[in-house]
C-alpha atoms as a PDB file:
ATOM      1  CA  UNK A   1      -8.071 -15.841  -1.848  1.00  0.00           C
ATOM      2  CA  UNK A   2      -4.460 -16.851  -1.259  1.00  0.00           C
ATOM      3  CA  UNK A   3      -3.429 -20.221  -2.663  1.00  0.00           C
ATOM      4  CA  UNK A   4      -2.098 -22.933  -0.350  1.00  0.00           C
ATOM      5  CA  UNK A   5       1.281 -22.955  -2.115  1.00  0.00           C
ATOM      6  CA  UNK A   6       1.700 -19.193  -1.634  1.00  0.00           C
ATOM      7  CA  UNK A   7       0.667 -19.509   1.996  1.00  0.00           C
ATOM      8  CA  UNK A   8       3.299 -22.208   2.562  1.00  0.00           C
ATOM      9  CA  UNK A   9       5.988 -20.056   0.943  1.00  0.00           C
ATOM     10  CA  UNK A  10       5.152 -17.169   3.247  1.00  0.00           C
ATOM     11  CA  UNK A  11       4.999 -19.529   6.208  1.00  0.00           C
ATOM     12  CA  UNK A  12       8.575 -20.606   5.517  1.00  0.00           C
ATOM     13  CA  UNK A  13       9.785 -17.013   5.902  1.00  0.00           C
ATOM     14  CA  UNK A  14       7.734 -16.492   9.041  1.00  0.00           C
ATOM     15  CA  UNK A  15       9.344 -19.519  10.659  1.00  0.00           C
ATOM     16  CA  UNK A  16      12.827 -18.109  10.187  1.00  0.00           C
ATOM     17  CA  UNK A  17      12.433 -15.058  12.385  1.00  0.00           C
ATOM     18  CA  UNK A  18       9.185 -15.472  14.248  1.00  0.00           C
ATOM     19  CA  UNK A  19      10.794 -14.965  17.633  1.00  0.00           C
ATOM     20  CA  UNK A  20      12.685 -11.706  17.070  1.00  0.00           C
ATOM     21  CA  UNK A  21       9.575  -9.554  17.047  1.00  0.00           C
ATOM     22  CA  UNK A  22       8.276 -10.728  20.394  1.00  0.00           C
ATOM     23  CA  UNK A  23      11.260 -11.327  22.662  1.00  0.00           C
ATOM     24  CA  UNK A  24      13.105  -8.927  24.910  1.00  0.00           C
ATOM     25  CA  UNK A  25      16.890  -8.669  24.594  1.00  0.00           C
ATOM     26  CA  UNK A  26      17.872  -6.460  27.504  1.00  0.00           C
ATOM     27  CA  UNK A  27      17.598  -8.955  30.342  1.00  0.00           C
ATOM     28  CA  UNK A  28      19.678  -7.711  33.305  1.00  0.00           C
ATOM     29  CA  UNK A  29      23.159  -9.187  33.209  1.00  0.00           C
ATOM     30  CA  UNK A  30      26.478  -8.926  34.969  1.00  0.00           C
ATOM     31  CA  UNK A  31      28.086  -8.229  31.607  1.00  0.00           C
ATOM     32  CA  UNK A  32      29.226  -4.673  30.951  1.00  0.00           C
ATOM     33  CA  UNK A  33      27.339  -3.507  27.899  1.00  0.00           C
ATOM     34  CA  UNK A  34      28.004  -0.418  25.809  1.00  0.00           C
ATOM     35  CA  UNK A  35      25.333   0.993  23.454  1.00  0.00           C
ATOM     36  CA  UNK A  36      25.839  -0.070  19.869  1.00  0.00           C
ATOM     37  CA  UNK A  37      26.581   2.290  17.022  1.00  0.00           C
ATOM     38  CA  UNK A  38      23.828   2.643  14.451  1.00  0.00           C
ATOM     39  CA  UNK A  39      24.676  -0.162  12.022  1.00  0.00           C
ATOM     40  CA  UNK A  40      23.183  -3.333  10.595  1.00  0.00           C
ATOM     41  CA  UNK A  41      26.415  -4.638   9.054  1.00  0.00           C
ATOM     42  CA  UNK A  42      29.277  -5.679  11.348  1.00  0.00           C
ATOM     43  CA  UNK A  43      32.716  -7.111  10.641  1.00  0.00           C
ATOM     44  CA  UNK A  44      34.048 -10.030  12.680  1.00  0.00           C
ATOM     45  CA  UNK A  45      37.772 -10.478  13.327  1.00  0.00           C
ATOM     46  CA  UNK A  46      39.690 -12.260  16.036  1.00  0.00           C
ATOM     47  CA  UNK A  47      42.170 -15.000  16.931  1.00  0.00           C
ATOM     48  CA  UNK A  48      42.241 -17.734  14.314  1.00  0.00           C
ATOM     49  CA  UNK A  49      40.323 -15.674  11.754  1.00  0.00           C
ATOM     50  CA  UNK A  50      42.582 -15.009   8.758  1.00  0.00           C
ATOM     51  CA  UNK A  51      40.087 -12.955   6.773  1.00  0.00           C
ATOM     52  CA  UNK A  52      37.053 -11.083   8.197  1.00  0.00           C
ATOM     53  CA  UNK A  53      33.550 -12.474   8.272  1.00  0.00           C
ATOM     54  CA  UNK A  54      30.394 -10.373   8.506  1.00  0.00           C
ATOM     55  CA  UNK A  55      27.256 -10.222  10.650  1.00  0.00           C
ATOM     56  CA  UNK A  56      24.070  -8.600   9.324  1.00  0.00           C
ATOM     57  CA  UNK A  57      20.894  -7.838  11.293  1.00  0.00           C
ATOM     58  CA  UNK A  58      17.777  -8.525   9.228  1.00  0.00           C
ATOM     59  CA  UNK A  59      14.105  -7.723   9.707  1.00  0.00           C
ATOM     60  CA  UNK A  60      11.629 -10.508   8.940  1.00  0.00           C
ATOM     61  CA  UNK A  61       9.702  -8.543   6.315  1.00  0.00           C
ATOM     62  CA  UNK A  62       9.719  -4.937   5.154  1.00  0.00           C
ATOM     63  CA  UNK A  63       7.931  -2.745   2.619  1.00  0.00           C
ATOM     64  CA  UNK A  64       9.662  -2.616  -0.747  1.00  0.00           C
ATOM     65  CA  UNK A  65       9.935   1.187  -0.489  1.00  0.00           C
ATOM     66  CA  UNK A  66      11.821   0.854   2.808  1.00  0.00           C
ATOM     67  CA  UNK A  67      14.111  -1.962   1.714  1.00  0.00           C
ATOM     68  CA  UNK A  68      17.758  -0.925   1.459  1.00  0.00           C
ATOM     69  CA  UNK A  69      21.271  -2.289   1.825  1.00  0.00           C
ATOM     70  CA  UNK A  70      23.780  -0.258   3.873  1.00  0.00           C
ATOM     71  CA  UNK A  71      27.038   0.639   2.172  1.00  0.00           C
ATOM     72  CA  UNK A  72      29.439  -2.253   2.177  1.00  0.00           C
ATOM     73  CA  UNK A  73      26.800  -4.991   2.243  1.00  0.00           C
ATOM     74  CA  UNK A  74      27.258  -6.159  -1.338  1.00  0.00           C
ATOM     75  CA  UNK A  75      31.039  -6.073  -0.945  1.00  0.00           C
ATOM     76  CA  UNK A  76      30.751  -8.138   2.246  1.00  0.00           C
ATOM     77  CA  UNK A  77      28.612 -10.756   0.490  1.00  0.00           C
ATOM     78  CA  UNK A  78      30.975 -10.862  -2.474  1.00  0.00           C
ATOM     79  CA  UNK A  79      33.969 -11.301  -0.157  1.00  0.00           C
ATOM     80  CA  UNK A  80      32.302 -14.195   1.671  1.00  0.00           C
ATOM     81  CA  UNK A  81      32.458 -17.805   0.554  1.00  0.00           C
ATOM     82  CA  UNK A  82      29.368 -18.860   2.482  1.00  0.00           C
ATOM     83  CA  UNK A  83      26.086 -17.243   3.584  1.00  0.00           C
ATOM     84  CA  UNK A  84      24.606 -18.532   6.848  1.00  0.00           C
ATOM     85  CA  UNK A  85      21.058 -17.839   8.077  1.00  0.00           C
ATOM     86  CA  UNK A  86      19.238 -18.832  11.243  1.00  0.00           C
ATOM     87  CA  UNK A  87      17.973 -21.757   9.159  1.00  0.00           C
ATOM     88  CA  UNK A  88      19.436 -22.768   5.812  1.00  0.00           C
ATOM     89  CA  UNK A  89      17.149 -21.138   3.254  1.00  0.00           C
ATOM     90  CA  UNK A  90      17.501 -24.153   0.968  1.00  0.00           C
ATOM     91  CA  UNK A  91      15.521 -26.014   3.596  1.00  0.00           C
ATOM     92  CA  UNK A  92      13.054 -23.168   4.071  1.00  0.00           C
ATOM     93  CA  UNK A  93      12.216 -22.871   0.372  1.00  0.00           C
ATOM     94  CA  UNK A  94      11.463 -26.582  -0.054  1.00  0.00           C
ATOM     95  CA  UNK A  95       7.668 -26.533  -0.301  1.00  0.00           C
ATOM     96  CA  UNK A  96       7.376 -30.300   0.125  1.00  0.00           C
ATOM     97  CA  UNK A  97       9.273 -30.047   3.419  1.00  0.00           C
ATOM     98  CA  UNK A  98       7.146 -27.119   4.605  1.00  0.00           C
ATOM     99  CA  UNK A  99       4.013 -29.110   3.824  1.00  0.00           C
ATOM    100  CA  UNK A 100       5.417 -31.967   5.876  1.00  0.00           C
ATOM    101  CA  UNK A 101       5.876 -29.627   8.826  1.00  0.00           C
ATOM    102  CA  UNK A 102       2.310 -28.342   8.824  1.00  0.00           C
ATOM    103  CA  UNK A 103       1.274 -30.928  11.427  1.00  0.00           C
ATOM    104  CA  UNK A 104       3.976 -29.690  13.811  1.00  0.00           C
ATOM    105  CA  UNK A 105       2.721 -26.099  13.769  1.00  0.00           C
ATOM    106  CA  UNK A 106      -0.797 -27.183  14.685  1.00  0.00           C
ATOM    107  CA  UNK A 107      -2.037 -27.085  18.280  1.00  0.00           C
ATOM    108  CA  UNK A 108      -2.235 -30.403  20.067  1.00  0.00           C
ATOM    109  CA  UNK A 109      -5.255 -32.163  21.527  1.00  0.00           C
ATOM    110  CA  UNK A 110      -7.579 -30.738  18.893  1.00  0.00           C
ATOM    111  CA  UNK A 111      -7.325 -27.218  20.302  1.00  0.00           C
ATOM    112  CA  UNK A 112      -8.597 -24.364  18.136  1.00  0.00           C
ATOM    113  CA  UNK A 113      -8.350 -20.607  18.368  1.00  0.00           C
ATOM    114  CA  UNK A 114     -12.020 -20.445  19.340  1.00  0.00           C
ATOM    115  CA  UNK A 115     -11.175 -22.440  22.493  1.00  0.00           C
ATOM    116  CA  UNK A 116      -8.699 -19.789  23.629  1.00  0.00           C
ATOM    117  CA  UNK A 117     -10.424 -16.432  23.121  1.00  0.00           C
ATOM    118  CA  UNK A 118     -13.852 -14.867  23.510  1.00  0.00           C
ATOM    119  CA  UNK A 119     -16.430 -14.799  20.713  1.00  0.00           C
ATOM    120  CA  UNK A 120     -15.848 -11.066  20.285  1.00  0.00           C
ATOM    121  CA  UNK A 121     -12.107 -11.552  19.976  1.00  0.00           C
ATOM    122  CA  UNK A 122     -12.595 -14.445  17.576  1.00  0.00           C
ATOM    123  CA  UNK A 123     -14.676 -12.195  15.325  1.00  0.00           C
ATOM    124  CA  UNK A 124     -11.944  -9.550  15.375  1.00  0.00           C
ATOM    125  CA  UNK A 125      -9.324 -12.111  14.368  1.00  0.00           C
ATOM    126  CA  UNK A 126     -11.534 -13.738  11.753  1.00  0.00           C
ATOM    127  CA  UNK A 127     -12.448 -10.417  10.106  1.00  0.00           C
ATOM    128  CA  UNK A 128      -8.805  -9.341  10.065  1.00  0.00           C
ATOM    129  CA  UNK A 129      -7.614 -12.412   8.204  1.00  0.00           C
ATOM    130  CA  UNK A 130     -10.622 -12.421   5.892  1.00  0.00           C
ATOM    131  CA  UNK A 131      -9.549  -8.981   4.631  1.00  0.00           C
ATOM    132  CA  UNK A 132      -6.140 -10.484   3.854  1.00  0.00           C
ATOM    133  CA  UNK A 133      -7.644 -13.348   1.873  1.00  0.00           C
ATOM    134  CA  UNK A 134      -6.831 -15.860   4.595  1.00  0.00           C
ATOM    135  CA  UNK A 135      -9.979 -17.741   5.651  1.00  0.00           C
ATOM    136  CA  UNK A 136     -10.026 -18.528   9.365  1.00  0.00           C
ATOM    137  CA  UNK A 137     -10.655 -22.242   8.761  1.00  0.00           C
ATOM    138  CA  UNK A 138      -7.090 -22.476   7.385  1.00  0.00           C
ATOM    139  CA  UNK A 139      -5.656 -20.892  10.502  1.00  0.00           C
ATOM    140  CA  UNK A 140      -7.716 -21.705  13.573  1.00  0.00           C
ATOM    141  CA  UNK A 141      -5.754 -24.853  14.495  1.00  0.00           C
ATOM    142  CA  UNK A 142      -2.336 -23.248  13.983  1.00  0.00           C
ATOM    143  CA  UNK A 143      -0.366 -22.115  17.018  1.00  0.00           C
ATOM    144  CA  UNK A 144      -1.431 -18.458  17.498  1.00  0.00           C
ATOM    145  CA  UNK A 145       2.110 -17.116  17.868  1.00  0.00           C
ATOM    146  CA  UNK A 146       2.787 -18.115  14.283  1.00  0.00           C
ATOM    147  CA  UNK A 147      -0.066 -15.884  13.154  1.00  0.00           C
ATOM    148  CA  UNK A 148       1.079 -12.723  14.934  1.00  0.00           C
ATOM    149  CA  UNK A 149       3.239 -11.757  11.959  1.00  0.00           C
ATOM    150  CA  UNK A 150       0.047 -11.508   9.910  1.00  0.00           C
ATOM    151  CA  UNK A 151      -1.422  -9.097  12.457  1.00  0.00           C
ATOM    152  CA  UNK A 152      -0.526  -5.895  10.642  1.00  0.00           C
ATOM    153  CA  UNK A 153      -2.176  -4.772   7.445  1.00  0.00           C
ATOM    154  CA  UNK A 154       1.207  -4.119   5.858  1.00  0.00           C
ATOM    155  CA  UNK A 155       2.054  -7.805   6.286  1.00  0.00           C
ATOM    156  CA  UNK A 156      -0.237  -9.050   3.525  1.00  0.00           C
ATOM    157  CA  UNK A 157       1.225 -12.455   2.567  1.00  0.00           C
ATOM    158  CA  UNK A 158       0.617 -11.769  -1.113  1.00  0.00           C
ATOM    159  CA  UNK A 159       2.999  -8.794  -0.864  1.00  0.00           C
ATOM    160  CA  UNK A 160       6.109 -10.925  -1.336  1.00  0.00           C
ATOM    161  CA  UNK A 161       4.790 -12.358  -4.569  1.00  0.00           C
ATOM    162  CA  UNK A 162       3.634  -8.988  -5.897  1.00  0.00           C
ATOM    163  CA  UNK A 163       6.834  -7.225  -4.851  1.00  0.00           C
ATOM    164  CA  UNK A 164       5.039  -4.919  -2.392  1.00  0.00           C
ATOM    165  CA  UNK A 165       6.999  -6.488   0.465  1.00  0.00           C
ATOM    166  CA  UNK A 166      10.527  -7.875   0.687  1.00  0.00           C
ATOM    167  CA  UNK A 167      12.319 -10.373   2.874  1.00  0.00           C
ATOM    168  CA  UNK A 168      16.019  -9.802   3.595  1.00  0.00           C
ATOM    169  CA  UNK A 169      16.519 -13.539   3.966  1.00  0.00           C
ATOM    170  CA  UNK A 170      15.033 -14.223   0.540  1.00  0.00           C
ATOM    171  CA  UNK A 171      17.000 -11.382  -1.051  1.00  0.00           C
ATOM    172  CA  UNK A 172      20.284 -12.608   0.428  1.00  0.00           C
ATOM    173  CA  UNK A 173      19.430 -16.161  -0.533  1.00  0.00           C
ATOM    174  CA  UNK A 174      18.862 -15.157  -4.155  1.00  0.00           C
ATOM    175  CA  UNK A 175      22.141 -13.216  -4.163  1.00  0.00           C
ATOM    176  CA  UNK A 176      23.997 -16.224  -2.786  1.00  0.00           C
ATOM    177  CA  UNK A 177      22.473 -18.509  -5.426  1.00  0.00           C
ATOM    178  CA  UNK A 178      23.352 -16.083  -8.219  1.00  0.00           C
ATOM    179  CA  UNK A 179      26.962 -16.043  -7.019  1.00  0.00           C
ATOM    180  CA  UNK A 180      27.020 -19.843  -6.547  1.00  0.00           C
ATOM    181  CA  UNK A 181      27.817 -19.500  -2.848  1.00  0.00           C
ATOM    182  CA  UNK A 182      27.086 -22.247  -0.349  1.00  0.00           C
ATOM    183  CA  UNK A 183      24.523 -21.575   2.366  1.00  0.00           C
ATOM    184  CA  UNK A 184      24.003 -22.877   5.860  1.00  0.00           C
ATOM    185  CA  UNK A 185      21.974 -22.472   9.036  1.00  0.00           C
ATOM    186  CA  UNK A 186      22.673 -22.002  12.730  1.00  0.00           C
ATOM    187  CA  UNK A 187      19.596 -24.029  13.688  1.00  0.00           C
ATOM    188  CA  UNK A 188      17.345 -26.680  12.214  1.00  0.00           C
ATOM    189  CA  UNK A 189      13.749 -25.961  11.236  1.00  0.00           C
ATOM    190  CA  UNK A 190      12.567 -28.685  13.629  1.00  0.00           C
ATOM    191  CA  UNK A 191      14.322 -26.928  16.514  1.00  0.00           C
ATOM    192  CA  UNK A 192      12.669 -23.590  15.782  1.00  0.00           C
ATOM    193  CA  UNK A 193       9.212 -25.095  15.426  1.00  0.00           C
ATOM    194  CA  UNK A 194       9.721 -26.930  18.706  1.00  0.00           C
ATOM    195  CA  UNK A 195      10.151 -23.591  20.453  1.00  0.00           C
ATOM    196  CA  UNK A 196       6.469 -22.798  19.888  1.00  0.00           C
ATOM    197  CA  UNK A 197       5.601 -25.453  22.438  1.00  0.00           C
ATOM    198  CA  UNK A 198       7.437 -23.490  25.144  1.00  0.00           C
ATOM    199  CA  UNK A 199       4.642 -20.882  25.288  1.00  0.00           C
ATOM    200  CA  UNK A 200       1.128 -21.804  26.488  1.00  0.00           C
ATOM    201  CA  UNK A 201      -1.506 -21.506  23.771  1.00  0.00           C
ATOM    202  CA  UNK A 202      -3.507 -19.065  25.907  1.00  0.00           C
ATOM    203  CA  UNK A 203      -0.555 -16.670  26.041  1.00  0.00           C
ATOM    204  CA  UNK A 204      -0.005 -16.999  22.316  1.00  0.00           C
ATOM    205  CA  UNK A 205      -3.678 -16.220  21.652  1.00  0.00           C
ATOM    206  CA  UNK A 206      -3.571 -13.092  23.807  1.00  0.00           C
ATOM    207  CA  UNK A 207      -0.510 -11.914  21.901  1.00  0.00           C
ATOM    208  CA  UNK A 208      -2.293 -12.398  18.574  1.00  0.00           C
ATOM    209  CA  UNK A 209      -5.425 -10.493  19.631  1.00  0.00           C
ATOM    210  CA  UNK A 210      -3.424  -7.597  21.072  1.00  0.00           C
ATOM    211  CA  UNK A 211      -1.266  -7.384  17.942  1.00  0.00           C
ATOM    212  CA  UNK A 212      -4.349  -7.142  15.709  1.00  0.00           C
ATOM    213  CA  UNK A 213      -5.961  -4.521  17.948  1.00  0.00           C
ATOM    214  CA  UNK A 214      -2.718  -2.525  17.929  1.00  0.00           C
ATOM    215  CA  UNK A 215      -2.611  -2.596  14.138  1.00  0.00           C
ATOM    216  CA  UNK A 216      -5.991  -0.815  14.055  1.00  0.00           C
ATOM    217  CA  UNK A 217      -4.656   2.193  15.964  1.00  0.00           C
ATOM    218  CA  UNK A 218      -2.286   4.981  14.997  1.00  0.00           C
ATOM    219  CA  UNK A 219       0.274   3.449  17.361  1.00  0.00           C
ATOM    220  CA  UNK A 220       1.453   0.917  14.788  1.00  0.00           C
ATOM    221  CA  UNK A 221       4.425  -0.967  16.178  1.00  0.00           C
ATOM    222  CA  UNK A 222       5.357  -2.381  12.771  1.00  0.00           C
ATOM    223  CA  UNK A 223       5.787   1.112  11.312  1.00  0.00           C
ATOM    224  CA  UNK A 224       7.811   2.280  14.294  1.00  0.00           C
ATOM    225  CA  UNK A 225      10.029  -0.777  14.125  1.00  0.00           C
ATOM    226  CA  UNK A 226      10.563  -0.226  10.402  1.00  0.00           C
ATOM    227  CA  UNK A 227      11.626   3.380  11.029  1.00  0.00           C
ATOM    228  CA  UNK A 228      14.137   2.250  13.643  1.00  0.00           C
ATOM    229  CA  UNK A 229      15.425  -0.436  11.315  1.00  0.00           C
ATOM    230  CA  UNK A 230      15.932   1.990   8.444  1.00  0.00           C
ATOM    231  CA  UNK A 231      17.881   4.260  10.813  1.00  0.00           C
ATOM    232  CA  UNK A 232      19.925   1.147  11.764  1.00  0.00           C
ATOM    233  CA  UNK A 233      19.255   1.785  15.455  1.00  0.00           C
ATOM    234  CA  UNK A 234      19.394  -1.723  16.881  1.00  0.00           C
ATOM    235  CA  UNK A 235      19.381  -0.581  20.511  1.00  0.00           C
ATOM    236  CA  UNK A 236      16.211   1.463  19.944  1.00  0.00           C
ATOM    237  CA  UNK A 237      14.519  -1.606  18.456  1.00  0.00           C
ATOM    238  CA  UNK A 238      15.487  -3.621  21.525  1.00  0.00           C
ATOM    239  CA  UNK A 239      14.238  -0.890  23.858  1.00  0.00           C
ATOM    240  CA  UNK A 240      10.905  -0.659  22.060  1.00  0.00           C
ATOM    241  CA  UNK A 241      10.333  -4.391  22.342  1.00  0.00           C
ATOM    242  CA  UNK A 242      11.318  -4.433  26.015  1.00  0.00           C
ATOM    243  CA  UNK A 243       8.772  -1.715  26.877  1.00  0.00           C
ATOM    244  CA  UNK A 244       5.834  -3.508  25.299  1.00  0.00           C
ATOM    245  CA  UNK A 245       3.519  -5.735  27.301  1.00  0.00           C
ATOM    246  CA  UNK A 246       4.620  -9.208  26.438  1.00  0.00           C
ATOM    247  CA  UNK A 247       2.694 -12.456  26.827  1.00  0.00           C
ATOM    248  CA  UNK A 248       5.926 -14.474  26.561  1.00  0.00           C
ATOM    249  CA  UNK A 249       7.571 -12.850  29.574  1.00  0.00           C
ATOM    250  CA  UNK A 250       9.395 -15.583  31.451  1.00  0.00           C
ATOM    251  CA  UNK A 251      10.134 -17.616  28.326  1.00  0.00           C
ATOM    252  CA  UNK A 252      12.833 -15.362  26.880  1.00  0.00           C
ATOM    253  CA  UNK A 253      15.726 -17.535  28.024  1.00  0.00           C
ATOM    254  CA  UNK A 254      14.683 -20.512  25.913  1.00  0.00           C
ATOM    255  CA  UNK A 255      13.326 -18.476  23.013  1.00  0.00           C
ATOM    256  CA  UNK A 256      16.145 -15.986  22.652  1.00  0.00           C
ATOM    257  CA  UNK A 257      18.993 -15.814  25.166  1.00  0.00           C
ATOM    258  CA  UNK A 258      20.023 -19.463  25.052  1.00  0.00           C
ATOM    259  CA  UNK A 259      19.761 -19.460  21.282  1.00  0.00           C
ATOM    260  CA  UNK A 260      22.119 -16.472  21.100  1.00  0.00           C
ATOM    261  CA  UNK A 261      24.575 -18.281  23.351  1.00  0.00           C
ATOM    262  CA  UNK A 262      24.336 -21.445  21.271  1.00  0.00           C
ATOM    263  CA  UNK A 263      25.207 -19.504  18.127  1.00  0.00           C
ATOM    264  CA  UNK A 264      28.463 -17.996  19.404  1.00  0.00           C
ATOM    265  CA  UNK A 265      30.729 -21.074  19.063  1.00  0.00           C
ATOM    266  CA  UNK A 266      29.090 -21.907  15.724  1.00  0.00           C
ATOM    267  CA  UNK A 267      29.757 -18.406  14.369  1.00  0.00           C
ATOM    268  CA  UNK A 268      33.349 -18.384  15.595  1.00  0.00           C
ATOM    269  CA  UNK A 269      34.060 -21.854  14.208  1.00  0.00           C
ATOM    270  CA  UNK A 270      32.593 -20.955  10.811  1.00  0.00           C
ATOM    271  CA  UNK A 271      34.495 -17.634  10.681  1.00  0.00           C
ATOM    272  CA  UNK A 272      37.765 -19.431  11.405  1.00  0.00           C
ATOM    273  CA  UNK A 273      37.094 -21.928   8.632  1.00  0.00           C
ATOM    274  CA  UNK A 274      36.218 -19.454   5.870  1.00  0.00           C
ATOM    275  CA  UNK A 275      34.881 -15.971   5.177  1.00  0.00           C
ATOM    276  CA  UNK A 276      31.204 -16.133   6.075  1.00  0.00           C
ATOM    277  CA  UNK A 277      28.267 -13.727   5.876  1.00  0.00           C
ATOM    278  CA  UNK A 278      25.864 -14.326   8.784  1.00  0.00           C
ATOM    279  CA  UNK A 279      22.313 -12.972   8.397  1.00  0.00           C
ATOM    280  CA  UNK A 280      20.192 -13.198  11.561  1.00  0.00           C
ATOM    281  CA  UNK A 281      17.321 -11.176  13.011  1.00  0.00           C
ATOM    282  CA  UNK A 282      18.363  -7.723  14.198  1.00  0.00           C
ATOM    283  CA  UNK A 283      16.614  -8.430  17.500  1.00  0.00           C
ATOM    284  CA  UNK A 284      19.326 -10.975  18.250  1.00  0.00           C
ATOM    285  CA  UNK A 285      22.204  -8.503  17.920  1.00  0.00           C
ATOM    286  CA  UNK A 286      21.645  -5.898  20.658  1.00  0.00           C
ATOM    287  CA  UNK A 287      21.637  -6.023  24.426  1.00  0.00           C
ATOM    288  CA  UNK A 288      23.985  -7.602  26.994  1.00  0.00           C
ATOM    289  CA  UNK A 289      22.990 -11.084  25.851  1.00  0.00           C
ATOM    290  CA  UNK A 290      22.919 -10.119  22.186  1.00  0.00           C
ATOM    291  CA  UNK A 291      25.157 -11.778  19.619  1.00  0.00           C
ATOM    292  CA  UNK A 292      27.479  -8.788  19.179  1.00  0.00           C
ATOM    293  CA  UNK A 293      28.268  -8.434  22.877  1.00  0.00           C
ATOM    294  CA  UNK A 294      28.597 -12.192  23.371  1.00  0.00           C
ATOM    295  CA  UNK A 295      31.050 -12.418  20.479  1.00  0.00           C
ATOM    296  CA  UNK A 296      33.091  -9.629  22.018  1.00  0.00           C
ATOM    297  CA  UNK A 297      33.057 -11.416  25.364  1.00  0.00           C
ATOM    298  CA  UNK A 298      34.375 -14.492  23.549  1.00  0.00           C
ATOM    299  CA  UNK A 299      37.397 -12.496  22.375  1.00  0.00           C
ATOM    300  CA  UNK A 300      36.166 -11.463  18.949  1.00  0.00           C
ATOM    301  CA  UNK A 301      36.522  -7.968  17.536  1.00  0.00           C
ATOM    302  CA  UNK A 302      33.119  -6.930  16.169  1.00  0.00           C
ATOM    303  CA  UNK A 303      33.049  -3.520  14.497  1.00  0.00           C
ATOM    304  CA  UNK A 304      30.395  -1.657  12.494  1.00  0.00           C
ATOM    305  CA  UNK A 305      30.999  -1.344   8.764  1.00  0.00           C
ATOM    306  CA  UNK A 306      30.646   2.278   7.741  1.00  0.00           C
END
């Protein structure tokens, strides 16, 4: 059975990018959008930027065999003075802080998962997590959307500790520490957790059940997404997400679009100050309201690193 400390460590990674796997990024817009080249690493230049900064699209967790760094990534990190994540990883790796946040990720008014789904669905969810060494009593009061990342068999939370799985955020964080680079975040952990409350618990529960059912079929979305990520096809990832039935439809503006818009002045300001390596979920990069296009609209030159 997984230990509480290990569970909290995995929870900290989940919180960083929980929203990129469930939000659409191709909302109709008046902006003229051109398909992106296949690339995860992008260089940022523009007025007031003396030396280039870099933007990297991560995936929340990936199998160790699929983990890779595109050419130029290590050089980009080495050339940067600061590494910025969605949330500063120093904050996300503080177990005492994560423990203090546990109350905030719980459902209010004493709600439990059993209140939101049928007995049959509850059994499906319970059996799924039991196989992963996660007893349902540890999870049933947590907001269901948080648990969707555990829906796929490949997402065993013990995988990070054993080395079976890897997190780009954790890898980049370790690299930054080894090189004595400062780190930062575009958002606070309290802000991201607060976004859970934007989606009704019933919708979150439906998303969790459907994700688990999907993982039991040959149509495994996690595997498909991994293949697209390895091919560095950000637009294909966005298209796949947009075609899926989504229980958070109607909440994308608060969960994704507005966040992307909020990041633009922060990214530009940081890039003007010093060479910075930005690592955010790949789902934030593509589409007409994606970070790359919004940066270009703001006058920045964003080009793929080949």
